[in-house]
């Protein structure tokens, strides 16, 4: 697999793990997310990273599953 694709997949994995870590010790509920602006921004940024990584992957390999 292309080294750049692997890097993007690693970025996606790290972002998912980071989002998950934000909820250690708190409930995964929308109201928890909605009332905490710092949590919202952190999750939104990780979702941007995931989107950018997927976009890069698809530019490299448009047939990527």
Protein backbone atom coordinates (compact mmCIF):
# COMPACT_ATOMS: atom_id res chain seq x y z
CA UNK A 1 0.00 0.00 0.00
CA UNK A 2 1.16 3.53 -0.78
CA UNK A 3 3.10 5.13 2.10
CA UNK A 4 1.00 8.32 1.93
CA UNK A 5 -2.20 6.27 2.19
CA UNK A 6 -0.81 4.48 5.24
CA UNK A 7 0.02 7.84 6.85
CA UNK A 8 -3.52 9.07 6.22
CA UNK A 9 -4.98 5.88 7.68
CA UNK A 10 -2.79 6.36 10.75
CA UNK A 11 -4.07 9.94 11.12
CA UNK A 12 -7.65 8.66 10.91
CA UNK A 13 -6.97 6.00 13.53
CA UNK A 14 -5.38 8.54 15.89
CA UNK A 15 -8.28 10.97 15.47
CA UNK A 16 -10.84 8.26 16.23
CA UNK A 17 -8.91 7.20 19.32
CA UNK A 18 -8.62 10.81 20.47
CA UNK A 19 -12.36 11.40 20.09
CA UNK A 20 -13.01 8.24 22.08
CA UNK A 21 -10.61 9.40 24.82
CA UNK A 22 -12.62 12.60 25.33
CA UNK A 23 -15.43 10.49 26.79
CA UNK A 24 -13.44 8.52 29.33
CA UNK A 25 -15.23 9.14 32.61
CA UNK A 26 -18.23 10.87 31.02
CA UNK A 27 -21.32 9.72 29.25
CA UNK A 28 -21.40 9.64 25.46
CA UNK A 29 -24.50 11.76 25.21
CA UNK A 30 -25.33 14.58 22.84
CA UNK A 31 -26.23 16.96 25.66
CA UNK A 32 -22.76 16.44 27.18
CA UNK A 33 -21.24 17.29 23.80
CA UNK A 34 -23.55 20.24 23.14
CA UNK A 35 -22.93 22.04 26.43
CA UNK A 36 -19.11 21.80 26.35
CA UNK A 37 -17.66 24.17 23.73
CA UNK A 38 -14.10 22.90 24.19
CA UNK A 39 -15.23 19.31 23.67
CA UNK A 40 -17.20 20.35 20.59
CA UNK A 41 -14.24 22.12 19.03
CA UNK A 42 -11.90 19.22 19.78
CA UNK A 43 -14.25 16.69 18.21
CA UNK A 44 -14.93 18.94 15.22
CA UNK A 45 -11.20 19.34 14.61
CA UNK A 46 -10.67 15.60 14.68
CA UNK A 47 -13.53 15.13 12.23
CA UNK A 48 -11.84 17.67 9.94
CA UNK A 49 -8.61 15.68 10.15
CA UNK A 50 -10.51 12.50 9.23
CA UNK A 51 -12.17 14.25 6.29
CA UNK A 52 -8.90 15.71 5.03
CA UNK A 53 -7.19 12.33 5.31
CA UNK A 54 -9.98 10.59 3.40
CA UNK A 55 -9.85 13.26 0.71
CA UNK A 56 -6.10 12.73 0.36
CA UNK A 57 -6.52 8.98 0.15
CA UNK A 58 -9.13 9.29 -2.59
CA UNK A 59 -6.88 11.65 -4.57
CA UNK A 60 -4.14 9.02 -4.43
CA UNK A 61 -6.41 6.03 -5.05
CA UNK A 62 -9.93 6.81 -6.26
CA UNK A 63 -10.87 3.12 -5.93
CA UNK A 64 -9.94 2.93 -2.24
CA UNK A 65 -12.60 0.97 -0.37
